[in-house]
Amino acid sequence: MISRSFSAPRRRVAAALTVMAAVVAFGSWALWPVYDASCVVFSGAYVPMSAPKAEADAAVQRAYDKDLADGACGPKRARFHNWTQ
């Protein structure tokens, strides 16, 4: 028996699209690679607060690449890497 609130086709489509959007959002969050929890990167570079986000992100990425090359950090991994252990 279908509830009266879902008897209109427009509401069923809206509900289905909402559920699909929620599944896609959770899936992308769950699959996005993350840094190892023991790795904290400080760029050591002066980046003004008014600098574009791309410039600040580039400074952090350079610092991470340097720490990765030095062996201080591990590579990015799946979010639920240790879930089964």
Protein backbone atom coordinates (compact mmCIF):
# COMPACT_ATOMS: atom_id res chain seq x y z
CA MET A 1 0.00 0.00 0.00
CA ILE A 2 1.48 3.33 -1.08
CA SER A 3 1.16 6.22 1.31
CA ARG A 4 -0.89 9.19 0.10
CA SER A 5 2.19 11.41 0.27
CA PHE A 6 3.89 9.26 -2.40
CA SER A 7 0.85 8.75 -4.62
CA ALA A 8 1.79 11.69 -6.86
CA PRO A 9 4.45 10.79 -9.45
CA ARG A 10 6.25 14.09 -8.88
CA ARG A 11 6.76 13.28 -5.18
CA ARG A 12 8.02 9.78 -5.95
CA VAL A 13 10.57 11.18 -8.39
CA ALA A 14 11.65 13.82 -5.88
CA ALA A 15 12.03 11.18 -3.16
CA ALA A 16 14.01 8.88 -5.46
CA LEU A 17 16.33 11.71 -6.52
CA THR A 18 16.87 12.72 -2.90
CA VAL A 19 17.81 9.16 -1.92
CA MET A 20 20.15 8.82 -4.91
CA ALA A 21 21.84 12.14 -4.07
CA ALA A 22 22.36 11.00 -0.48
CA VAL A 23 23.88 7.70 -1.64
CA VAL A 24 26.23 9.47 -4.07
CA ALA A 25 27.28 12.00 -1.42
CA PHE A 26 28.03 9.29 1.15
CA GLY A 27 29.83 7.17 -1.43
CA SER A 28 32.09 9.99 -2.55
CA TRP A 29 32.87 10.88 1.09
CA ALA A 30 33.66 7.25 1.92
CA LEU A 31 35.89 6.69 -1.12
CA TRP A 32 37.82 9.98 -0.96
CA PRO A 33 41.47 9.24 -0.06
CA VAL A 34 42.75 10.68 3.22
CA TYR A 35 46.16 11.23 4.79
CA ASP A 36 47.42 8.91 7.49
CA ALA A 37 46.23 10.02 10.93
CA SER A 38 49.80 10.24 12.24
CA CYS A 39 50.79 12.72 9.52
CA VAL A 40 50.29 16.38 10.32
CA VAL A 41 51.67 18.71 7.70
CA PHE A 42 52.77 22.23 8.49
CA SER A 43 53.91 24.01 5.38
CA GLY A 44 56.45 26.23 7.12
CA ALA A 45 55.79 28.79 4.43
CA TYR A 46 54.22 32.18 4.95
CA VAL A 47 50.90 32.31 3.16
CA PRO A 48 48.91 35.49 3.77
CA MET A 49 45.27 35.14 4.81
CA SER A 50 44.26 37.06 1.69
CA ALA A 51 46.05 34.56 -0.58
CA PRO A 52 43.89 32.51 -2.92
CA LYS A 53 42.89 29.06 -1.69
CA ALA A 54 44.84 27.46 -4.52
CA GLU A 55 48.07 29.07 -3.26
CA ALA A 56 47.53 27.84 0.30
CA ASP A 57 46.64 24.35 -0.95
CA ALA A 58 49.77 24.31 -3.10
CA ALA A 59 51.95 25.20 -0.07
CA VAL A 60 50.41 22.35 1.94
CA GLN A 61 50.84 19.93 -0.97
CA ARG A 62 54.52 20.88 -1.35
CA ALA A 63 55.08 20.30 2.37
CA TYR A 64 53.28 16.94 2.21
CA ASP A 65 55.33 15.86 -0.82
CA LYS A 66 58.52 16.80 1.04
CA ASP A 67 57.44 14.86 4.16
CA LEU A 68 56.44 11.90 2.01
CA ALA A 69 59.85 11.90 0.34
CA ASP A 70 61.57 12.15 3.75
CA GLY A 71 59.55 9.19 5.05
CA ALA A 72 57.78 11.23 7.74
CA CYS A 73 54.32 10.53 6.26
CA GLY A 74 52.69 7.64 4.51
CA PRO A 75 50.80 7.93 1.22
CA LYS A 76 47.10 8.71 1.04
CA ARG A 77 44.86 5.75 1.77
CA ALA A 78 41.22 4.78 1.64
CA ARG A 79 39.10 6.27 4.44
CA PHE A 80 38.11 2.87 5.86
CA HIS A 81 41.53 1.25 5.45
CA ASN A 82 41.66 -0.33 8.92
CA TRP A 83 37.96 -1.01 9.23
CA THR A 84 38.27 -4.82 9.14
CA GLN A 85 41.34 -5.08 11.33
